[in-house]
Amino acid sequence: MPVELVVPSVGESITEVEIGDWLKNPGEPVNQDDPVVVIETDKVTVELPAPASGTITETLKRKGEKANVGDVIGYMEPSPSGRGQSGEAQARQGEASSNEAARVRASEESVAERPSPSAPLQARVPLPGGEGGGREEQIIPMTPIRRRIAERLVEAQKNAALLTTFNQVDMAAVIALRKQHQDAFQAKYQTKLGFMSFFVKAVIEALKATPQLNAEIRGHDIVYRNYYDIGIAIGGGKGLVVPVLRNAERMSFAEIEKAISDFGRRAQANELKVDELQGGTFTISNGGIYGSMLSTPIVNPPQSGVLGMHTIEDRPVARDGAVVIRPMMYTALTYDHRIVDGREAVTFLKQIRDLVEDPARMLLEI
């Protein structure tokens, strides 16, 4: 009896999804729990596992088409034993599947040659005089996550009065502290001691001193919070995502590092959950891991501020009347000027600098 491939629930508020790549074609054998198709939303990308072992028989939705949670998007025929085939039978099935998959691909390619509203979502368009010249355009629709990123960035620019202020931080003390304790830290907690935990801790202390940056405008009201849910911007497989450290003020350095490492791993594998990407009272974005020297990060609405970290470079600076070379990082704070004044913004960045340059203050809470 055919087994239905059904769109699963991927979050409380999500009712519609977009079909991504089919990882298995009709005629291909599949084992239970093997990923069959990619399902995309504006927040997360998930893989639908096979509910049983058997063979894919039919796909009802193509890449790029919409589907609702609970919709049947394909069928598979379960194997009699409930397990995948093996031996000579599996070899024969594999050959047949390969031929079937080739026919499916050939069919799709033939459709791609005919321009129509239902054509595949990727096409190459020759430009005038481009025959034989290799001048082509490739049209690829934006993924739901990329569309959502674009919408929120435009929303932030339209609905907030954004301003950015800058500072720089001498990272020598943190670098020395990491070098001194890295081995013991990693042996005890099975995770590396990075820079981000120091900045998360410093941000929380700075937010306590400038609560406007941990607040949001809601209608004609300002909502202040006594908790700190810190979003960490991470480059995922489908684009930038911002998973949230809930109640980060209660987390230790090790807990912060473990959580960020886990976020990064699951972001690349498109395994983050919707509720991990929602909310947040303030965001930290580290463009330094990509080599960025300086940038103006954009606020993640309805938040009122975002801190940008950048690459660490040896630069000449004045210390006690002499020019010395120090490992320096530029920091940038973009804030909503409707709720945060310049004084608060400068105070915030200065406190970040003071705490990171003297990290013992964070440990002693002074």
Protein backbone atom coordinates (compact mmCIF):
# COMPACT_ATOMS: atom_id res chain seq x y z
CA MET A 1 0.00 0.00 0.00
CA PRO A 2 1.48 3.41 -0.94
CA VAL A 3 2.99 5.52 1.82
CA GLU A 4 2.27 9.25 1.72
CA LEU A 5 5.00 11.89 1.96
CA VAL A 6 3.38 14.63 4.02
CA VAL A 7 4.58 18.18 4.75
CA PRO A 8 5.34 18.22 8.50
CA SER A 9 4.71 21.02 10.95
CA VAL A 10 7.83 23.20 11.09
CA GLY A 11 6.67 25.83 13.56
CA GLU A 12 3.59 27.17 15.31
CA SER A 13 3.00 30.14 13.04
CA ILE A 14 4.02 28.50 9.75
CA THR A 15 1.25 27.07 7.57
CA GLU A 16 2.82 27.32 4.11
CA VAL A 17 6.19 26.04 2.87
CA GLU A 18 8.12 25.96 -0.38
CA ILE A 19 9.42 22.74 -1.88
CA GLY A 20 13.18 22.69 -2.28
CA ASP A 21 15.37 20.05 -3.91
CA TRP A 22 14.09 16.50 -4.21
CA LEU A 23 16.92 14.38 -2.86
CA LYS A 24 15.36 11.17 -4.19
CA ASN A 25 13.77 10.70 -7.64
CA PRO A 26 10.93 8.37 -8.62
CA GLY A 27 12.23 4.82 -8.90
CA GLU A 28 15.04 5.32 -6.40
CA PRO A 29 15.24 3.06 -3.32
CA VAL A 30 15.32 4.73 0.06
CA ASN A 31 15.85 3.57 3.63
CA GLN A 32 13.68 4.69 6.50
CA ASP A 33 14.70 8.11 7.86
CA ASP A 34 16.80 8.92 4.76
CA PRO A 35 16.16 12.55 3.67
CA VAL A 36 13.82 12.64 0.67
CA VAL A 37 13.06 16.30 -0.03
CA VAL A 38 14.09 19.73 1.27
CA ILE A 39 11.30 21.92 2.67
CA GLU A 40 11.96 25.65 2.98
CA THR A 41 10.28 28.38 5.02
CA ASP A 42 11.14 32.02 5.60
CA LYS A 43 12.96 31.02 8.78
CA VAL A 44 14.31 27.49 8.49
CA THR A 45 15.09 24.77 5.98
CA VAL A 46 14.34 21.16 6.94
CA GLU A 47 14.67 17.77 5.29
CA LEU A 48 11.68 15.42 5.18
CA PRO A 49 12.77 11.88 6.13
CA ALA A 50 11.32 8.78 4.52
CA PRO A 51 8.64 7.34 6.85
CA ALA A 52 9.56 3.79 5.75
CA SER A 53 12.03 1.87 3.62
CA GLY A 54 11.04 1.30 0.02
CA THR A 55 10.97 3.08 -3.34
CA ILE A 56 9.87 6.59 -4.32
CA THR A 57 7.01 6.18 -6.81
CA GLU A 58 5.68 9.69 -7.42
CA THR A 59 6.36 13.33 -6.60
CA LEU A 60 3.37 15.69 -6.67
CA LYS A 61 5.16 19.00 -6.09
CA ARG A 62 8.17 20.37 -7.93
CA LYS A 63 10.97 22.54 -6.61
CA GLY A 64 9.73 26.07 -5.98
CA GLU A 65 6.06 25.17 -5.66
CA LYS A 66 4.08 26.02 -2.54
CA ALA A 67 2.47 23.50 -0.20
CA ASN A 68 0.58 23.67 3.07
CA VAL A 69 1.46 21.83 6.25
CA GLY A 70 -0.26 18.44 6.03
CA ASP A 71 -0.31 18.32 2.21
CA VAL A 72 0.72 15.11 0.46
CA ILE A 73 3.63 15.93 -1.85
CA GLY A 74 4.60 12.45 -2.98
CA TYR A 75 4.24 8.72 -2.58
CA MET A 76 6.52 5.78 -1.97
CA GLU A 77 6.02 2.02 -2.06
CA PRO A 78 7.31 0.32 1.10
CA SER A 79 9.59 -2.70 0.70
CA PRO A 80 7.98 -5.99 1.85
CA SER A 81 10.47 -6.49 4.65
CA GLY A 82 10.29 -2.87 5.80
CA ARG A 83 14.02 -2.56 5.14
CA GLY A 84 16.09 -1.47 2.18
CA GLN A 85 17.00 -4.03 -0.48
CA SER A 86 20.41 -5.60 -0.71
CA GLY A 87 22.56 -7.84 -2.86
CA GLU A 88 21.72 -8.61 -6.47
CA ALA A 89 18.14 -7.37 -6.13
CA GLN A 90 19.36 -4.02 -4.91
CA ALA A 91 21.81 -3.81 -7.81
CA ARG A 92 19.02 -4.49 -10.30
CA GLN A 93 16.79 -1.97 -8.55
CA GLY A 94 19.59 0.57 -8.55
CA GLU A 95 20.11 0.18 -12.32
CA ALA A 96 16.38 0.52 -12.96
CA SER A 97 16.23 3.54 -10.65
CA SER A 98 19.12 5.15 -12.47
CA ASN A 99 17.35 4.72 -15.79
CA GLU A 100 14.11 6.07 -14.34
CA ALA A 101 15.89 9.03 -12.77
CA ALA A 102 17.54 9.78 -16.11
CA ARG A 103 14.12 9.76 -17.80
CA VAL A 104 12.73 12.09 -15.13
CA ARG A 105 15.64 14.49 -15.57
CA ALA A 106 15.32 14.36 -19.35
CA SER A 107 11.62 15.13 -19.04
CA GLU A 108 12.30 18.08 -16.77
CA GLU A 109 14.96 19.42 -19.14
CA SER A 110 12.55 19.22 -22.06
CA VAL A 111 10.02 21.23 -20.06
CA ALA A 112 12.70 23.80 -19.25
CA GLU A 113 13.13 24.48 -22.95
CA ARG A 114 9.49 25.57 -23.25
CA PRO A 115 8.89 28.98 -21.62
CA SER A 116 5.76 28.75 -19.49
CA PRO A 117 4.56 29.86 -16.04
CA SER A 118 5.20 26.34 -14.73
CA ALA A 119 8.72 26.06 -16.12
CA PRO A 120 11.55 25.08 -13.74
CA LEU A 121 12.81 27.77 -11.44
CA GLN A 122 16.22 28.05 -13.05
CA ALA A 123 16.88 29.17 -16.63
CA ARG A 124 19.71 30.53 -18.72
CA VAL A 125 18.84 33.51 -20.90
CA PRO A 126 21.20 34.32 -23.88
CA LEU A 127 21.86 38.01 -24.32
CA PRO A 128 21.75 39.74 -27.75
CA GLY A 129 24.77 38.80 -29.82
CA GLY A 130 25.71 36.24 -27.23
CA GLU A 131 25.59 33.14 -29.42
CA GLY A 132 28.91 31.41 -29.08
CA GLY A 133 30.19 34.25 -26.92
CA GLY A 134 29.34 32.69 -23.56
CA ARG A 135 27.32 35.73 -22.42
CA GLU A 136 24.49 34.33 -20.33
CA GLU A 137 22.32 35.22 -17.37
CA GLN A 138 21.25 32.68 -14.80
CA ILE A 139 17.85 33.28 -13.21
CA ILE A 140 17.40 31.67 -9.80
CA PRO A 141 14.44 32.69 -7.62
CA MET A 142 15.21 33.84 -4.10
CA THR A 143 14.71 31.24 -1.41
CA PRO A 144 12.09 31.95 1.27
CA ILE A 145 14.85 32.68 3.79
CA ARG A 146 16.57 35.12 1.44
CA ARG A 147 13.24 36.83 0.69
CA ARG A 148 12.57 37.18 4.40
CA ILE A 149 16.05 38.61 5.00
CA ALA A 150 15.44 41.17 2.26
CA GLU A 151 12.04 42.11 3.69
CA ARG A 152 13.37 42.63 7.20
CA LEU A 153 16.35 44.68 6.04
CA VAL A 154 14.08 46.99 4.05
CA GLU A 155 11.66 47.13 6.99
CA ALA A 156 14.47 48.19 9.30
CA GLN A 157 15.58 51.00 6.97
CA LYS A 158 12.02 52.26 6.43
CA ASN A 159 10.61 52.11 9.96
CA ALA A 160 13.54 53.13 12.19
CA ALA A 161 15.84 56.15 12.44
CA LEU A 162 19.12 54.27 12.18
CA LEU A 163 22.48 55.73 13.11
CA THR A 164 25.87 54.04 13.58
CA THR A 165 28.69 54.97 15.93
CA PHE A 166 32.14 53.38 16.12
CA ASN A 167 34.92 52.60 18.56
CA GLN A 168 37.94 50.32 18.74
CA VAL A 169 39.05 47.71 21.25
CA ASP A 170 42.52 46.54 22.21
CA MET A 171 42.18 42.74 22.20
CA ALA A 172 45.56 41.99 23.79
CA ALA A 173 44.19 41.10 27.25
CA VAL A 174 41.53 38.73 25.91
CA ILE A 175 44.02 37.10 23.53
CA ALA A 176 46.45 36.52 26.41
CA LEU A 177 43.69 35.17 28.64
CA ARG A 178 42.50 32.75 25.96
CA LYS A 179 46.05 31.55 25.32
CA GLN A 180 46.66 31.00 29.02
CA HIS A 181 43.47 29.04 29.72
CA GLN A 182 42.50 27.53 26.35
CA ASP A 183 43.79 24.01 26.99
CA ALA A 184 42.24 23.71 30.45
CA PHE A 185 38.96 25.24 29.24
CA GLN A 186 38.73 22.89 26.28
CA ALA A 187 39.62 19.84 28.36
CA LYS A 188 36.93 20.64 30.93
CA TYR A 189 34.11 21.77 28.65
CA GLN A 190 34.92 20.07 25.30
CA THR A 191 34.61 23.38 23.47
CA LYS A 192 37.01 26.17 22.58
CA LEU A 193 37.09 29.48 24.38
CA GLY A 194 36.33 32.03 21.68
CA PHE A 195 36.00 35.79 21.57
CA MET A 196 32.21 35.78 21.31
CA SER A 197 31.59 34.75 24.93
CA PHE A 198 33.59 37.77 26.13
CA PHE A 199 31.53 40.09 23.93
CA VAL A 200 28.24 38.51 24.98
CA LYS A 201 29.16 39.05 28.63
CA ALA A 202 30.31 42.61 27.93
CA VAL A 203 27.15 43.39 25.95
CA ILE A 204 24.93 42.24 28.79
CA GLU A 205 26.72 44.48 31.28
CA ALA A 206 26.57 47.41 28.85
CA LEU A 207 22.85 46.80 28.23
CA LYS A 208 22.21 46.95 31.97
CA ALA A 209 23.78 50.42 31.99
CA THR A 210 21.93 51.55 28.82
CA PRO A 211 18.51 49.81 28.98
CA GLN A 212 17.22 51.71 25.94
CA LEU A 213 19.29 49.38 23.74
CA ASN A 214 17.54 46.35 25.25
CA ALA A 215 14.11 47.89 24.69
CA GLU A 216 11.74 48.29 21.74
CA ILE A 217 9.11 50.74 20.55
CA ARG A 218 5.64 49.19 20.55
CA GLY A 219 3.08 51.61 19.18
CA HIS A 220 3.38 54.72 21.34
CA ASP A 221 5.07 52.85 24.18
CA ILE A 222 8.64 51.87 25.02
CA VAL A 223 8.98 48.31 26.32
CA TYR A 224 11.94 47.84 28.66
CA ARG A 225 13.13 44.34 29.53
CA ASN A 226 14.94 42.95 32.55
CA TYR A 227 16.13 39.86 30.64
CA TYR A 228 18.71 39.57 27.87
CA ASP A 229 17.99 37.35 24.87
CA ILE A 230 21.03 37.89 22.67
CA GLY A 231 20.80 37.04 18.97
CA ILE A 232 24.01 35.80 17.33
CA ALA A 233 24.16 36.39 13.57
CA ILE A 234 25.45 33.27 11.81
CA GLY A 235 25.98 32.52 8.13
CA GLY A 236 23.87 29.43 7.38
CA GLY A 237 23.58 27.20 4.36
CA LYS A 238 20.73 29.32 2.96
CA GLY A 239 21.70 32.76 4.25
CA LEU A 240 22.16 34.76 7.43
CA VAL A 241 20.25 33.47 10.46
CA VAL A 242 20.09 34.85 14.00
CA PRO A 243 19.55 32.15 16.64
CA VAL A 244 18.95 33.50 20.13
CA LEU A 245 20.71 32.83 23.43
CA ARG A 246 17.74 32.91 25.83
CA ASN A 247 18.46 34.52 29.22
CA ALA A 248 22.10 34.92 28.28
CA GLU A 249 22.69 36.75 31.56
CA ARG A 250 22.37 33.37 33.32
CA MET A 251 24.86 31.60 31.07
CA SER A 252 28.50 30.88 31.83
CA PHE A 253 31.33 31.39 29.35
CA ALA A 254 31.29 27.66 28.57
CA GLU A 255 27.52 27.56 28.08
CA ILE A 256 27.71 30.50 25.69
CA GLU A 257 30.53 28.94 23.66
CA LYS A 258 28.79 25.56 23.48
CA ALA A 259 25.50 27.12 22.39
CA ILE A 260 27.14 29.25 19.67
CA SER A 261 29.15 26.29 18.39
CA ASP A 262 25.97 24.21 18.23
CA PHE A 263 24.11 27.02 16.45
CA GLY A 264 26.87 27.28 13.86
CA ARG A 265 26.93 23.54 13.16
CA ARG A 266 23.17 23.27 12.83
CA ALA A 267 22.91 26.45 10.74
CA GLN A 268 25.20 24.92 8.13
CA ALA A 269 23.12 21.74 8.16
CA ASN A 270 19.83 23.72 8.04
CA GLU A 271 18.74 22.11 11.31
CA LEU A 272 17.86 25.17 13.38
CA LYS A 273 14.34 25.24 14.83
CA VAL A 274 11.91 28.08 14.23
CA ASP A 275 11.59 28.99 17.90
CA GLU A 276 15.39 29.35 18.14
CA LEU A 277 15.25 32.13 15.55
CA GLN A 278 12.39 34.13 17.04
CA GLY A 279 12.54 36.96 19.53
CA GLY A 280 15.79 38.41 20.78
CA THR A 281 16.33 41.72 22.54
CA PHE A 282 19.72 42.64 21.02
CA THR A 283 21.95 41.22 18.27
CA ILE A 284 25.70 40.68 17.83
CA SER A 285 27.14 40.23 14.34
CA ASN A 286 30.76 39.18 13.82
CA GLY A 287 31.84 40.17 10.33
CA GLY A 288 35.43 39.71 11.42
CA ILE A 289 35.31 35.99 10.73
CA TYR A 290 34.96 36.89 7.04
CA GLY A 291 37.73 39.48 7.17
CA SER A 292 35.58 42.61 7.46
CA MET A 293 37.56 45.58 8.77
CA LEU A 294 34.57 47.87 9.32
CA SER A 295 30.86 47.86 8.53
CA THR A 296 27.52 49.37 9.54
CA PRO A 297 25.28 46.51 10.70
CA ILE A 298 21.52 46.85 10.31
CA VAL A 299 19.17 46.55 13.28
CA ASN A 300 17.00 43.44 13.44
CA PRO A 301 13.51 44.92 14.04
CA PRO A 302 11.85 45.45 16.45
CA GLN A 303 15.15 45.54 18.34
CA SER A 304 16.82 48.88 18.98
CA GLY A 305 20.47 47.98 18.50
CA VAL A 306 23.04 45.66 16.94
CA LEU A 307 26.75 45.38 17.70
CA GLY A 308 29.15 44.70 14.84
CA MET A 309 32.47 42.99 15.58
CA HIS A 310 35.27 43.04 13.02
CA THR A 311 38.60 41.48 12.19
CA ILE A 312 41.52 41.86 14.60
CA GLU A 313 44.55 43.57 13.06
CA ASP A 314 47.86 44.73 14.45
CA ARG A 315 47.81 48.54 14.31
CA PRO A 316 49.99 51.32 15.73
CA VAL A 317 48.40 53.04 18.72
CA ALA A 318 49.61 55.47 21.36
CA ARG A 319 50.24 54.00 24.82
CA ASP A 320 51.85 56.08 27.63
CA GLY A 321 53.28 58.55 25.16
CA ALA A 322 54.79 55.91 22.85
CA VAL A 323 53.60 54.32 19.62
CA VAL A 324 53.16 50.56 19.99
CA ILE A 325 51.66 47.80 17.87
CA ARG A 326 48.50 46.29 19.36
CA PRO A 327 45.86 43.79 18.15
CA MET A 328 42.92 46.13 17.53
CA MET A 329 39.29 45.52 16.58
CA TYR A 330 36.85 48.13 15.31
CA THR A 331 33.36 47.86 16.79
CA ALA A 332 30.19 49.41 15.40
CA LEU A 333 26.84 50.03 17.07
CA THR A 334 23.82 50.71 14.88
CA TYR A 335 20.89 51.93 16.92
CA ASP A 336 17.36 53.30 16.57
CA HIS A 337 17.70 57.01 17.23
CA ARG A 338 13.99 57.24 18.09
CA ILE A 339 14.68 55.53 21.41
CA VAL A 340 18.48 55.71 21.85
CA ASP A 341 20.37 59.01 22.01
CA GLY A 342 23.96 59.47 20.93
CA ARG A 343 25.10 59.71 24.54
CA GLU A 344 23.74 56.27 25.35
CA ALA A 345 25.22 54.78 22.17
CA VAL A 346 28.69 56.14 22.88
CA THR A 347 28.46 55.08 26.53
CA PHE A 348 27.48 51.57 25.45
CA LEU A 349 30.45 51.15 23.09
CA LYS A 350 32.85 52.66 25.63
CA GLN A 351 31.71 50.17 28.26
CA ILE A 352 32.17 47.30 25.81
CA ARG A 353 35.71 48.52 25.19
CA ASP A 354 36.53 48.91 28.88
CA LEU A 355 35.23 45.44 29.77
CA VAL A 356 36.94 43.60 26.91
CA GLU A 357 40.23 45.40 27.50
CA ASP A 358 40.06 44.41 31.20
CA PRO A 359 38.15 41.08 31.14
CA ALA A 360 38.75 40.43 34.83
CA ARG A 361 36.08 43.08 35.51
CA MET A 362 33.47 40.80 33.93
CA LEU A 363 34.52 37.90 36.11
CA LEU A 364 34.50 40.06 39.25
CA GLU A 365 31.33 41.91 38.14
CA ILE A 366 32.82 45.35 38.80
